[in-house]
Amino acid sequence: MKFAFAVIGLFPTVLIAETFPLESDVTSATLYPQGATLVREVPYSIPAGKHELVLTDLPRGTPLELVRVELSAGKLGSVTGRTDFVPPRDEAKSAEIEAAEGEVERLESALRVAEQEVLLIRVEIDGTNARVEFLKKLGAGETTAGKNAAELQALALMIDEQTLAARRAAHEAHFRAGEADRALKDLREDLDKARQTLAALQTGGTDYAMLSVTASADAPVTGVMKVSYLVNSASWQPIYDMRLDKDAGKLSVERGAFIGQYTGEDWGDVKLTLSTVRPSQQVEPREIFAWQRSVTDPQVALPKSRVQVEASSLSKRAVSDESVVAGAPMEEPVFAGATASYDGLAVTYDYPERVNVANRADNLRITLGEVTTDANVQAFAAPLYDETGFLMASITNDMGELILPSSQVSLFLDGRFVGQTQLADVIPVGGEADIPFGAIDGLRLKRTVKSRNEGDRGMISRSTELSEEVTIEVENLTGETWPVQVFDRVPFSEQEELEISYIANPRPSVEDYDDKRGVLQWSFDLKPGATQSISLKHELEWPEGKVLK
C-alpha cells in the first residue's frame, strides 16, 4: 500500500532508531510548455522499527513545499525539507570528470614551472645588466689612478672581454625568455581548453537541499520511495517540419520538440513525457460580477495623476508578458517516434527512449513521429500589399491530435526547403487552417487606383463624400492552371450617419471573409497565360459638419 505525503513540517523530534542516507536521480519527467513534474524513484531497505530515510542530493532550488512522497513498503511518517545547514556530502565523480580535472591540474602545474623558468631567466638578464654597469664604472674614476700603461691596457682588455661576455649572456637570456614566453602562451591556451572541457562536464549545480522521510515497519521491508515535485525551470516547445506534395495533394507533418532544463542537476537516462497541459497558467474560469451603470452630470476631464499612469502601465505590461525559454546550443536531433494520446483536453506524448539533458547547457531536439492529411493546394493573392501570389495548402485537421502553436515551423515543397513560418493558434481536431509554402513568382498581381476624390479636391466639391475606384489584375505566367483566391477590402461603418457602399465586378465570392468586416474574396481558376481583372469602387457619405476618421 502506498502512502502519500501532503505537508512538509519541522524536523522530527522523536527518536529515530537508524538513519539511512540514500542517493537519488531524476528517473522520469513530464514536461509542460512551462514547467515540469519530476519523479525520483529511490530503492530502500529498512529493518523493523522507525527509521529515517535521508536524501541530500536534491538541487537547492527544489520547491520543497511542492514535494510529494510515496513509499511502496512500510508506513510513511513525517517528511522534512531543509535548504540551509545541509550536511556535507561526497559526490561521486565520473571517470570523464576525474580525467578532465587531472588534465587541468597537470597543465596548471606545468604553467607554474614555466612561469618560474621565465622569472629565473629575467633574473639572469638583470644580473648581466648589472655586470655591464659595474664594468663601465670600473674603467673610470679612481680605479685607474696610479696604474701604468701596461696595467691600464690589461684593465681595458679585461673590461672589453667581460662586457662582451655579459652582453652575449644578456642577449642569450633575452632569446630564451622569448622562447619561454611563447611556451607560456601555448600552455595557457591548452589550460583554457582543459578548463572549458571540465566546465562542459560539470553542468550540474553544487548546492543541495535535504529531504528527511520517517518510515516505519513491523518487519524488515524493501521498497521504492517515490519523490515527485513540480518545477518551473524546465519546458518544451513544439516544432514542425511540414512537407507538401503538391501534385498528390498531401501534407505530412513531422512533429518534434525542443527540450531545455535549468533545474540545477543533469538528467541522465530519464523517461520522458510531453504534455500540453499548462499548470502554470489559469486553471479556473474568472468570476463575472454584477454590472451597475449610472448617469451623472458631465465633468471636465482631469489629467491622470502619476500614480494612475504608472498603475496603467504596469497593468498593460502584466497582460503582455510571456514566459520565454532561454536558447542554448542545440544537440543533434534524436530520431524516434512517440506515442501520442489525445483526450479532448490535452495531448500527451510518451517518448519511447530515455534521454539525457544537461542542466543549463542542452537544448535537446527529439522527433515525435509523422502524421499526414489531404491538402487543397491554392494560390492566395493580396494585391493591396503583394506583387505575387503565394502557394497555400488548405487542410482540415483529421490527424487525430492537436497541432500546437509553434514559433518553429519549417516548410518544404516537393522536397525543397522554402522557408519558415509560425503557428500562432492551435489547430484543433476538425479545425481548418491555411499553411503557406512560398511565393509563386509567375502569378503576377497589379492593383491600380483609377480615381480617388476626397471632397473638394475631386470632381465632386462637397466635403461630405469620398470615393475610390481601383482595378486589380491577376496574370498567370506559369505553365499550369491555378485555383486562385484574391483578397481585397472596402471600408465598413457601424454608424448610421456614415453610409458606405461599394460596387465590384465581378461580385466577390465571399463578403466579410473569415468574419473580418469589409474583407472581400474572389475565387476562380486561372489558366496559363490568362489574366483576370477585377474592378472595385466604394463610396462614403456623411452629414455636413462631421469629420471623417
Protein backbone atom coordinates (compact mmCIF):
# COMPACT_ATOMS: atom_id res chain seq x y z
CA MET A 1 0.00 0.00 0.00
CA LYS A 2 1.31 3.48 -0.86
CA PHE A 3 1.12 6.45 1.48
CA ALA A 4 1.22 9.98 0.05
CA PHE A 5 2.83 12.89 1.91
CA ALA A 6 0.98 16.19 1.80
CA VAL A 7 2.66 18.67 4.18
CA ILE A 8 6.34 19.30 4.95
CA GLY A 9 6.93 20.02 8.62
CA LEU A 10 9.77 20.62 11.00
CA PHE A 11 12.48 18.03 11.65
CA PRO A 12 11.16 15.16 13.74
CA THR A 13 11.92 15.33 17.42
CA VAL A 14 11.09 11.67 18.07
CA LEU A 15 13.94 9.25 18.48
CA ILE A 16 14.97 7.66 15.19
CA ALA A 17 16.31 4.14 15.50
CA GLU A 18 18.62 4.40 12.47
CA THR A 19 19.38 6.85 9.65
CA PHE A 20 19.72 5.58 6.06
CA PRO A 21 21.36 8.02 3.62
CA LEU A 22 20.11 7.44 0.07
CA GLU A 23 21.23 8.64 -3.35
CA SER A 24 18.70 9.69 -5.97
CA ASP A 25 18.42 10.89 -9.55
CA VAL A 26 15.53 12.08 -11.70
CA THR A 27 14.08 8.93 -13.25
CA SER A 28 11.14 10.40 -15.16
CA ALA A 29 9.96 13.84 -16.22
CA THR A 30 6.66 15.12 -17.55
CA LEU A 31 7.35 18.39 -19.31
CA TYR A 32 4.78 21.13 -19.92
CA PRO A 33 5.08 24.20 -22.17
CA GLN A 34 6.28 25.89 -18.97
CA GLY A 35 7.33 23.72 -16.05
CA ALA A 36 7.73 20.01 -15.38
CA THR A 37 6.79 17.32 -12.91
CA LEU A 38 9.92 15.41 -11.88
CA VAL A 39 9.98 11.97 -10.25
CA ARG A 40 12.84 10.36 -8.32
CA GLU A 41 12.48 6.64 -7.55
CA VAL A 42 14.82 5.59 -4.75
CA PRO A 43 15.20 1.94 -3.58
CA TYR A 44 15.48 1.40 0.17
CA SER A 45 15.63 -1.40 2.73
CA ILE A 46 14.91 -0.93 6.44
CA PRO A 47 14.66 -3.32 9.39
CA ALA A 48 11.70 -3.39 11.74
CA GLY A 49 11.12 -0.20 13.70
CA LYS A 50 11.10 3.51 12.97
CA HIS A 51 13.87 4.93 10.80
CA GLU A 52 14.90 7.98 8.81
CA LEU A 53 15.47 7.91 5.04
CA VAL A 54 17.58 10.93 4.05
CA LEU A 55 18.20 12.42 0.61
CA THR A 56 20.92 15.10 0.45
CA ASP A 57 21.27 15.34 -3.32
CA LEU A 58 18.19 17.38 -4.29
CA PRO A 59 19.13 20.63 -6.05
CA ARG A 60 18.92 23.63 -3.74
CA GLY A 61 16.22 25.19 -5.92
CA THR A 62 13.84 22.24 -5.44
CA PRO A 63 10.46 23.64 -4.29
CA LEU A 64 10.24 21.56 -1.09
CA GLU A 65 6.73 22.83 -0.36
CA LEU A 66 5.52 21.03 -3.50
CA VAL A 67 7.25 17.72 -2.79
CA ARG A 68 5.09 14.61 -2.54
CA VAL A 69 6.44 11.29 -1.18
CA GLU A 70 5.14 7.73 -1.53
CA LEU A 71 6.52 4.51 -0.02
CA SER A 72 5.82 1.18 -1.67
CA ALA A 73 6.55 -0.70 1.56
CA GLY A 74 6.34 0.30 5.22
CA LYS A 75 4.48 3.20 6.76
CA LEU A 76 5.16 6.83 5.89
CA GLY A 77 5.58 9.29 8.74
CA SER A 78 6.72 12.91 8.69
CA VAL A 79 8.61 14.47 5.79
CA THR A 80 11.04 17.31 6.40
CA GLY A 81 12.73 19.63 3.95
CA ARG A 82 15.83 21.76 4.50
CA THR A 83 17.81 24.09 2.23
CA ASP A 84 20.19 25.54 4.84
CA PHE A 85 22.58 23.71 7.18
CA VAL A 86 22.60 20.67 4.92
CA PRO A 87 25.20 18.06 5.95
CA PRO A 88 28.25 17.86 3.64
CA ARG A 89 28.26 15.13 1.03
CA ASP A 90 30.95 13.42 -1.01
CA GLU A 91 29.67 13.35 -4.57
CA ALA A 92 30.98 10.57 -6.75
CA LYS A 93 32.76 11.81 -9.86
CA SER A 94 32.60 10.21 -13.26
CA ALA A 95 35.74 8.94 -14.96
CA GLU A 96 35.42 11.73 -17.54
CA ILE A 97 35.34 14.45 -14.86
CA GLU A 98 38.27 12.92 -12.98
CA ALA A 99 40.28 12.78 -16.22
CA ALA A 100 39.39 16.39 -17.05
CA GLU A 101 40.33 17.55 -13.54
CA GLY A 102 43.62 15.68 -13.80
CA GLU A 103 44.41 17.39 -17.11
CA VAL A 104 43.64 20.82 -15.62
CA GLU A 105 45.91 20.10 -12.63
CA ARG A 106 48.72 18.86 -14.91
CA LEU A 107 48.60 21.94 -17.10
CA GLU A 108 48.36 24.28 -14.09
CA SER A 109 51.48 22.65 -12.62
CA ALA A 110 53.31 22.89 -15.95
CA LEU A 111 52.33 26.56 -16.24
CA ARG A 112 53.68 27.31 -12.76
CA VAL A 113 57.01 25.64 -13.60
CA ALA A 114 57.25 27.51 -16.91
CA GLU A 115 56.45 30.85 -15.28
CA GLN A 116 59.19 30.16 -12.71
CA GLU A 117 61.67 29.44 -15.51
CA VAL A 118 60.78 32.73 -17.22
CA LEU A 119 61.27 34.55 -13.92
CA LEU A 120 64.74 33.00 -13.45
CA ILE A 121 65.74 33.96 -16.98
CA ARG A 122 64.73 37.55 -16.36
CA VAL A 123 66.80 37.48 -13.15
CA GLU A 124 69.78 36.41 -15.30
CA ILE A 125 69.17 39.40 -17.58
CA ASP A 126 69.12 41.72 -14.60
CA GLY A 127 72.43 40.21 -13.36
CA THR A 128 74.23 40.61 -16.69
CA ASN A 129 73.00 44.19 -17.00
CA ALA A 130 74.38 44.88 -13.52
CA ARG A 131 77.77 43.44 -14.59
CA VAL A 132 77.87 45.76 -17.61
CA GLU A 133 77.14 48.78 -15.43
CA PHE A 134 79.85 47.72 -12.98
CA LEU A 135 82.39 47.31 -15.79
CA LYS A 136 81.56 50.80 -17.06
CA LYS A 137 82.35 52.27 -13.67
CA LEU A 138 85.48 50.10 -13.33
CA GLY A 139 87.13 51.83 -16.26
CA ALA A 140 86.63 55.34 -14.93
CA GLY A 141 87.45 57.45 -11.88
CA GLU A 142 89.75 56.37 -9.05
CA THR A 143 90.03 52.79 -10.27
CA THR A 144 92.65 53.78 -12.90
CA ALA A 145 94.62 56.11 -10.67
CA GLY A 146 98.31 55.17 -10.24
CA LYS A 147 98.31 52.49 -12.96
CA ASN A 148 100.92 52.40 -15.66
CA ALA A 149 100.25 51.92 -19.37
CA ALA A 150 100.51 48.13 -19.30
CA GLU A 151 98.18 47.88 -16.36
CA LEU A 152 95.68 50.22 -17.99
CA GLN A 153 95.86 48.22 -21.21
CA ALA A 154 95.20 44.98 -19.34
CA LEU A 155 92.31 46.57 -17.44
CA ALA A 156 90.76 47.87 -20.66
CA LEU A 157 91.12 44.45 -22.31
CA MET A 158 89.52 42.75 -19.33
CA ILE A 159 86.63 45.26 -19.31
CA ASP A 160 86.02 44.74 -23.06
CA GLU A 161 86.06 40.94 -22.74
CA GLN A 162 83.81 40.89 -19.70
CA THR A 163 81.39 43.45 -21.17
CA LEU A 164 81.15 41.43 -24.39
CA ALA A 165 80.53 38.25 -22.43
CA ALA A 166 77.88 39.95 -20.30
CA ARG A 167 76.11 41.38 -23.34
CA ARG A 168 76.18 37.97 -25.04
CA ALA A 169 74.74 36.40 -21.90
CA ALA A 170 72.02 39.06 -21.76
CA HIS A 171 71.19 38.52 -25.45
CA GLU A 172 71.01 34.76 -24.94
CA ALA A 173 68.79 35.25 -21.89
CA HIS A 174 66.51 37.55 -23.89
CA PHE A 175 66.21 34.84 -26.56
CA ARG A 176 65.46 32.12 -24.00
CA ALA A 177 62.91 34.40 -22.31
CA GLY A 178 61.15 34.94 -25.65
CA GLU A 179 61.01 31.19 -26.28
CA ALA A 180 59.72 30.61 -22.78
CA ASP A 181 57.04 33.31 -23.26
CA ARG A 182 55.81 31.57 -26.39
CA ALA A 183 55.66 28.30 -24.48
CA LEU A 184 53.64 30.08 -21.80
CA LYS A 185 51.14 31.23 -24.43
CA ASP A 186 50.64 27.66 -25.69
CA LEU A 187 50.32 26.36 -22.14
CA ARG A 188 47.74 28.99 -21.23
CA GLU A 189 45.70 28.15 -24.35
CA ASP A 190 45.84 24.43 -23.52
CA LEU A 191 44.82 25.21 -19.93
CA ASP A 192 41.84 27.32 -21.09
CA LYS A 193 40.67 24.45 -23.32
CA ALA A 194 41.06 21.96 -20.49
CA ARG A 195 39.05 24.19 -18.15
CA GLN A 196 36.32 24.55 -20.81
CA THR A 197 36.23 20.76 -21.19
CA LEU A 198 35.86 20.37 -17.42
CA ALA A 199 33.13 23.05 -17.29
CA ALA A 200 31.21 21.26 -20.05
CA LEU A 201 31.17 18.15 -17.88
CA GLN A 202 30.24 20.00 -14.68
CA THR A 203 26.87 21.42 -15.75
CA GLY A 204 25.08 20.41 -12.56
CA GLY A 205 24.83 22.62 -9.51
CA THR A 206 26.89 22.33 -6.33
CA ASP A 207 24.32 23.48 -3.74
CA TYR A 208 21.84 20.96 -2.41
CA ALA A 209 18.69 20.62 -0.37
CA MET A 210 17.86 17.79 2.02
CA LEU A 211 14.74 15.68 2.41
CA SER A 212 14.23 13.56 5.53
CA VAL A 213 11.48 10.91 5.49
CA THR A 214 10.37 8.98 8.56
CA ALA A 215 9.47 5.37 7.72
CA SER A 216 8.43 2.53 9.99
CA ALA A 217 7.71 -1.17 9.55
CA ASP A 218 6.70 -4.10 11.73
CA ALA A 219 9.18 -6.33 9.90
CA PRO A 220 12.14 -5.77 7.57
CA VAL A 221 10.93 -4.40 4.22
CA THR A 222 12.40 -3.46 0.85
CA GLY A 223 10.68 -0.94 -1.34
CA VAL A 224 10.91 2.14 -3.55
CA MET A 225 10.45 5.70 -2.32
CA LYS A 226 8.84 7.89 -4.98
CA VAL A 227 9.56 11.62 -4.65
CA SER A 228 7.71 13.92 -7.06
CA TYR A 229 7.52 17.70 -7.36
CA LEU A 230 6.73 20.49 -9.82
CA VAL A 231 9.46 22.86 -11.07
CA ASN A 232 9.20 25.93 -13.30
CA SER A 233 12.74 25.68 -14.67
CA ALA A 234 12.10 23.13 -17.42
CA SER A 235 9.92 23.24 -20.53
CA TRP A 236 9.33 22.05 -24.07
CA GLN A 237 8.12 23.72 -27.23
CA PRO A 238 6.71 22.04 -30.34
CA ILE A 239 8.46 22.23 -33.69
CA TYR A 240 7.14 21.06 -37.04
CA ASP A 241 8.54 20.14 -40.43
CA MET A 242 5.64 20.45 -42.90
CA ARG A 243 6.17 18.79 -46.27
CA LEU A 244 3.73 19.38 -49.12
CA ASP A 245 3.45 17.05 -52.11
CA LYS A 246 1.71 19.47 -54.47
CA ASP A 247 0.72 17.01 -57.19
CA ALA A 248 -0.54 14.38 -54.74
CA GLY A 249 -2.32 16.97 -52.58
CA LYS A 250 -0.79 15.55 -49.39
CA LEU A 251 0.65 17.37 -46.39
CA SER A 252 2.87 15.45 -43.98
CA VAL A 253 3.60 16.94 -40.58
CA GLU A 254 6.74 15.75 -38.83
CA ARG A 255 6.31 16.57 -35.18
CA GLY A 256 9.19 17.39 -32.90
CA ALA A 257 10.09 19.18 -29.70
CA PHE A 258 12.83 21.30 -28.16
CA ILE A 259 13.58 20.44 -24.53
CA GLY A 260 15.58 22.50 -22.06
CA GLN A 261 16.02 22.46 -18.30
CA TYR A 262 17.65 24.64 -15.64
CA THR A 263 16.85 22.57 -12.55
CA GLY A 264 20.35 22.53 -11.06
CA GLU A 265 21.23 18.94 -11.97
CA ASP A 266 21.87 16.91 -15.10
CA TRP A 267 19.27 14.42 -16.24
CA GLY A 268 20.60 11.04 -17.25
CA ASP A 269 18.60 8.13 -18.67
CA VAL A 270 15.27 9.83 -17.91
CA LYS A 271 11.87 8.57 -19.08
CA LEU A 272 10.26 11.49 -20.90
CA THR A 273 6.64 12.51 -21.32
CA LEU A 274 5.50 15.71 -23.03
CA SER A 275 2.14 17.25 -22.19
CA THR A 276 0.23 20.27 -23.48
CA VAL A 277 -1.26 20.87 -20.02
CA ARG A 278 -0.33 24.32 -18.67
CA PRO A 279 -0.32 24.11 -14.85
CA SER A 280 1.48 27.46 -14.58
CA GLN A 281 -1.43 29.28 -16.23
CA GLN A 282 -5.07 29.92 -15.39
CA VAL A 283 -6.88 26.75 -14.24
CA GLU A 284 -10.34 28.10 -13.43
CA PRO A 285 -12.81 30.46 -15.11
CA ARG A 286 -12.96 34.06 -13.98
CA GLU A 287 -15.96 35.15 -11.95
CA ILE A 288 -18.48 37.55 -13.53
CA PHE A 289 -19.61 40.29 -11.17
CA ALA A 290 -22.77 42.41 -11.34
CA TRP A 291 -22.51 45.45 -13.65
CA GLN A 292 -24.12 48.58 -12.27
CA ARG A 293 -24.39 51.65 -14.52
CA SER A 294 -25.41 55.18 -13.58
CA VAL A 295 -25.52 58.61 -15.15
CA THR A 296 -24.10 61.85 -13.76
CA ASP A 297 -23.64 65.41 -14.84
CA PRO A 298 -20.80 65.86 -17.34
CA GLN A 299 -17.46 66.82 -15.83
CA VAL A 300 -14.28 68.27 -17.27
CA ALA A 301 -11.73 65.51 -17.66
CA LEU A 302 -8.76 65.96 -15.33
CA PRO A 303 -5.24 64.79 -16.22
CA LYS A 304 -4.22 61.45 -14.73
CA SER A 305 -2.06 61.51 -11.67
CA ARG A 306 1.40 59.98 -11.79
CA VAL A 307 0.20 57.03 -9.70
CA GLN A 308 -2.66 56.36 -12.14
CA VAL A 309 -0.33 56.49 -15.13
CA GLU A 310 2.15 54.09 -13.52
CA ALA A 311 -0.62 51.68 -12.48
CA SER A 312 -2.00 51.67 -16.04
CA SER A 313 1.46 50.98 -17.45
CA LEU A 314 2.06 48.12 -15.02
CA SER A 315 -1.31 46.60 -15.86
CA LYS A 316 -0.55 46.63 -19.59
CA ARG A 317 2.85 45.04 -19.05
CA ALA A 318 1.34 42.33 -16.85
CA VAL A 319 -1.11 41.39 -19.59
CA SER A 320 1.53 41.29 -22.35
CA ASP A 321 4.35 39.46 -20.52
CA GLU A 322 5.03 35.89 -21.67
CA SER A 323 7.49 33.21 -20.48
CA VAL A 324 10.48 32.58 -22.74
CA VAL A 325 12.76 29.55 -22.86
CA ALA A 326 16.32 30.54 -22.99
CA GLY A 327 18.15 29.44 -26.02
CA ALA A 328 21.14 27.14 -25.75
CA PRO A 329 23.44 25.16 -28.04
CA MET A 330 21.29 22.67 -29.94
CA GLU A 331 22.16 18.98 -29.84
CA GLU A 332 21.76 16.68 -32.79
CA PRO A 333 18.14 15.52 -33.22
CA VAL A 334 17.15 12.30 -31.53
CA PHE A 335 15.14 10.30 -34.06
CA ALA A 336 12.44 8.15 -32.53
CA GLY A 337 8.68 8.18 -32.70
CA ALA A 338 6.44 8.98 -29.75
CA THR A 339 3.04 7.63 -28.83
CA ALA A 340 0.53 10.47 -28.78
CA SER A 341 -2.75 10.37 -26.87
CA TYR A 342 -5.48 13.00 -27.05
CA ASP A 343 -8.39 13.02 -24.60
CA GLY A 344 -10.12 16.14 -25.92
CA LEU A 345 -8.42 18.31 -23.30
CA ALA A 346 -4.71 17.86 -23.88
CA VAL A 347 -2.16 15.94 -25.92
CA THR A 348 0.39 13.69 -24.24
CA TYR A 349 3.47 12.25 -25.95
CA ASP A 350 5.21 9.26 -24.36
CA TYR A 351 8.71 9.21 -25.75
CA PRO A 352 9.93 5.61 -26.22
CA GLU A 353 13.62 6.21 -25.48
CA ARG A 354 15.27 7.51 -22.35
CA VAL A 355 17.10 10.81 -22.74
CA ASN A 356 19.99 12.79 -21.25
CA VAL A 357 19.58 16.55 -20.79
CA ALA A 358 22.39 18.57 -19.20
CA ASN A 359 21.49 21.38 -16.83
CA ARG A 360 21.75 24.87 -18.39
CA ALA A 361 23.59 23.54 -21.45
CA ASP A 362 21.48 21.29 -23.67
CA ASN A 363 18.64 22.28 -25.95
CA LEU A 364 17.65 18.79 -26.98
CA ARG A 365 15.60 18.16 -30.09
CA ILE A 366 13.55 14.99 -30.36
CA THR A 367 11.15 13.78 -33.04
CA LEU A 368 7.63 12.64 -32.21
CA GLY A 369 6.67 10.92 -35.44
CA GLU A 370 4.76 11.94 -38.55
CA VAL A 371 1.10 12.36 -39.48
CA THR A 372 -0.43 13.02 -42.92
CA THR A 373 -3.57 14.69 -44.23
CA ASP A 374 -5.12 15.78 -47.54
CA ALA A 375 -4.31 19.29 -48.72
CA ASN A 376 -6.17 21.56 -51.12
CA VAL A 377 -3.44 23.44 -52.99
CA GLN A 378 -4.41 27.01 -53.94
CA ALA A 379 -2.90 30.40 -54.72
CA PHE A 380 -3.72 33.25 -52.37
CA ALA A 381 -3.30 36.79 -53.67
CA ALA A 382 -3.39 40.08 -51.76
CA PRO A 383 -2.63 42.75 -54.40
CA LEU A 384 -3.16 45.51 -51.84
CA TYR A 385 0.28 44.56 -50.43
CA ASP A 386 1.97 41.96 -52.67
CA GLU A 387 3.13 41.71 -56.28
CA THR A 388 2.94 37.90 -56.48
CA GLY A 389 0.60 35.20 -55.34
CA PHE A 390 1.52 32.67 -52.67
CA LEU A 391 1.02 28.91 -52.60
CA MET A 392 -1.21 27.80 -49.73
CA ALA A 393 -2.21 24.33 -48.54
CA SER A 394 -5.70 24.38 -47.04
CA ILE A 395 -6.27 21.49 -44.63
CA THR A 396 -8.82 20.10 -42.22
CA ASN A 397 -7.18 18.55 -39.17
CA ASP A 398 -8.28 14.92 -39.37
CA MET A 399 -4.97 13.66 -37.95
CA GLY A 400 -6.42 12.74 -34.55
CA GLU A 401 -4.44 15.23 -32.47
CA LEU A 402 -3.89 18.93 -31.94
CA ILE A 403 -1.42 20.92 -33.99
CA LEU A 404 0.02 23.24 -31.37
CA PRO A 405 1.16 26.86 -31.66
CA SER A 406 4.82 26.95 -32.59
CA SER A 407 7.47 29.51 -33.45
CA GLN A 408 9.47 26.86 -35.33
CA VAL A 409 7.72 25.60 -38.47
CA SER A 410 9.94 24.63 -41.41
CA LEU A 411 8.27 24.37 -44.83
CA PHE A 412 9.21 22.00 -47.67
CA LEU A 413 7.57 21.99 -51.10
CA ASP A 414 8.10 18.83 -53.16
CA GLY A 415 11.23 18.09 -51.13
CA ARG A 416 12.67 21.62 -51.40
CA PHE A 417 13.04 23.88 -48.38
CA VAL A 418 11.11 27.12 -48.98
CA GLY A 419 11.23 28.91 -45.64
CA GLN A 420 9.89 29.10 -42.10
CA THR A 421 6.70 30.37 -40.51
CA GLN A 422 4.89 30.38 -37.18
CA LEU A 423 1.63 28.92 -35.98
CA ALA A 424 0.01 31.50 -33.74
CA ASP A 425 -3.05 29.44 -32.82
CA VAL A 426 -3.78 25.82 -32.09
CA ILE A 427 -5.37 23.79 -34.91
CA PRO A 428 -7.88 21.60 -33.09
CA VAL A 429 -9.08 18.25 -34.32
CA GLY A 430 -11.62 19.05 -37.04
CA GLY A 431 -10.28 22.60 -37.36
CA GLU A 432 -9.26 24.21 -40.64
CA ALA A 433 -6.04 26.03 -41.48
CA ASP A 434 -4.14 27.50 -44.43
CA ILE A 435 -0.42 26.68 -44.44
CA PRO A 436 1.87 28.88 -46.62
CA PHE A 437 4.53 27.40 -48.93
CA GLY A 438 6.18 30.38 -50.55
CA ALA A 439 5.70 32.82 -53.41
CA ILE A 440 4.51 31.89 -56.91
CA ASP A 441 6.71 34.20 -58.97
CA GLY A 442 4.78 33.55 -62.16
CA LEU A 443 1.49 34.69 -60.64
CA ARG A 444 1.74 38.48 -61.02
CA LEU A 445 -0.51 40.95 -59.21
CA LYS A 446 -1.24 44.57 -60.05
CA ARG A 447 -3.52 47.00 -58.21
CA THR A 448 -4.16 50.39 -59.82
CA VAL A 449 -6.08 53.31 -58.32
CA LYS A 450 -8.07 54.66 -61.29
CA SER A 451 -9.69 57.57 -59.48
CA ARG A 452 -9.94 58.99 -55.98
CA ASN A 453 -11.98 62.02 -54.92
CA GLU A 454 -11.75 63.40 -51.41
CA GLY A 455 -14.31 66.16 -51.02
CA ASP A 456 -13.34 69.46 -52.63
CA ARG A 457 -10.17 68.04 -54.21
CA GLY A 458 -12.06 65.98 -56.79
CA MET A 459 -14.75 66.48 -59.33
CA ILE A 460 -17.32 66.46 -56.52
CA SER A 461 -16.77 69.61 -54.46
CA ARG A 462 -18.79 68.66 -51.39
CA SER A 463 -16.75 67.91 -48.24
CA THR A 464 -19.12 65.14 -47.12
CA GLU A 465 -18.24 62.49 -49.72
CA LEU A 466 -15.27 60.30 -50.58
CA SER A 467 -14.96 57.71 -53.36
CA GLU A 468 -12.21 55.50 -54.76
CA GLU A 469 -12.06 53.14 -57.74
CA VAL A 470 -9.35 50.52 -58.24
CA THR A 471 -8.58 47.86 -60.83
CA ILE A 472 -6.99 44.54 -59.85
CA GLU A 473 -5.23 42.30 -62.36
CA VAL A 474 -4.00 38.75 -61.77
CA GLU A 475 -1.80 37.37 -64.56
CA ASN A 476 -0.75 33.70 -64.77
CA LEU A 477 2.71 33.37 -66.36
CA THR A 478 3.22 29.80 -65.14
CA GLY A 479 2.61 26.68 -67.16
CA GLU A 480 -0.27 25.34 -65.07
CA THR A 481 -3.79 26.28 -64.06
CA TRP A 482 -4.09 27.73 -60.57
CA PRO A 483 -7.15 27.87 -58.32
CA VAL A 484 -6.81 31.45 -57.09
CA GLN A 485 -8.27 33.31 -54.15
CA VAL A 486 -7.91 37.11 -54.36
CA PHE A 487 -8.40 39.25 -51.26
CA ASP A 488 -9.07 42.97 -51.01
CA ARG A 489 -11.11 45.27 -48.82
CA VAL A 490 -13.59 48.12 -48.60
CA PRO A 491 -14.20 50.26 -45.50
CA PHE A 492 -17.06 49.46 -43.14
CA SER A 493 -19.07 51.55 -40.70
CA GLU A 494 -21.04 50.94 -37.54
CA GLN A 495 -22.65 54.41 -37.57
CA GLU A 496 -25.92 55.21 -39.30
CA GLU A 497 -24.59 58.68 -40.10
CA LEU A 498 -21.73 57.24 -42.16
CA GLU A 499 -23.06 55.45 -45.26
CA ILE A 500 -20.73 53.17 -47.20
CA SER A 501 -21.49 51.38 -50.44
CA TYR A 502 -19.37 49.51 -52.95
CA ILE A 503 -19.60 48.05 -56.44
CA ALA A 504 -17.45 45.13 -57.60
CA ASN A 505 -17.23 43.46 -60.99
CA PRO A 506 -17.25 40.52 -60.78
CA ARG A 507 -19.02 40.23 -57.46
CA PRO A 508 -16.89 38.72 -54.66
CA SER A 509 -17.38 35.06 -53.80
CA VAL A 510 -17.32 35.85 -50.06
CA GLU A 511 -18.01 39.05 -48.12
CA ASP A 512 -16.59 39.60 -44.63
CA TYR A 513 -14.11 36.78 -45.19
CA ASP A 514 -13.14 34.94 -42.01
CA ASP A 515 -15.51 37.25 -40.09
CA LYS A 516 -13.37 40.28 -40.97
CA ARG A 517 -15.65 43.21 -41.74
CA GLY A 518 -15.17 44.59 -45.23
CA VAL A 519 -12.71 41.91 -46.40
CA LEU A 520 -13.70 40.50 -49.81
CA GLN A 521 -12.66 37.28 -51.52
CA TRP A 522 -12.86 36.23 -55.17
CA SER A 523 -12.33 32.58 -56.16
CA PHE A 524 -11.60 31.44 -59.72
CA ASP A 525 -9.36 29.16 -61.77
CA LEU A 526 -6.72 30.92 -63.86
CA LYS A 527 -5.32 29.10 -66.88
CA PRO A 528 -1.72 29.52 -68.16
CA GLY A 529 -1.27 32.86 -69.93
CA ALA A 530 -4.67 34.18 -68.78
CA THR A 531 -5.40 37.41 -66.88
CA GLN A 532 -8.31 38.05 -64.55
CA SER A 533 -9.41 41.67 -63.95
CA ILE A 534 -11.50 42.93 -61.05
CA SER A 535 -12.90 46.45 -60.67
CA LEU A 536 -13.79 47.72 -57.22
CA LYS A 537 -15.31 51.04 -56.24
CA HIS A 538 -16.50 52.28 -52.87
CA GLU A 539 -18.22 55.48 -51.72
CA LEU A 540 -18.58 57.12 -48.31
CA GLU A 541 -21.15 59.81 -47.38
CA TRP A 542 -21.64 61.62 -44.06
CA PRO A 543 -23.63 64.64 -42.79
CA GLU A 544 -22.44 68.22 -43.09
CA GLY A 545 -20.35 69.35 -40.13
CA LYS A 546 -18.98 65.86 -39.37
CA VAL A 547 -15.33 64.84 -39.79
CA LEU A 548 -14.32 61.52 -41.33
CA LYS A 549 -11.87 59.40 -39.37
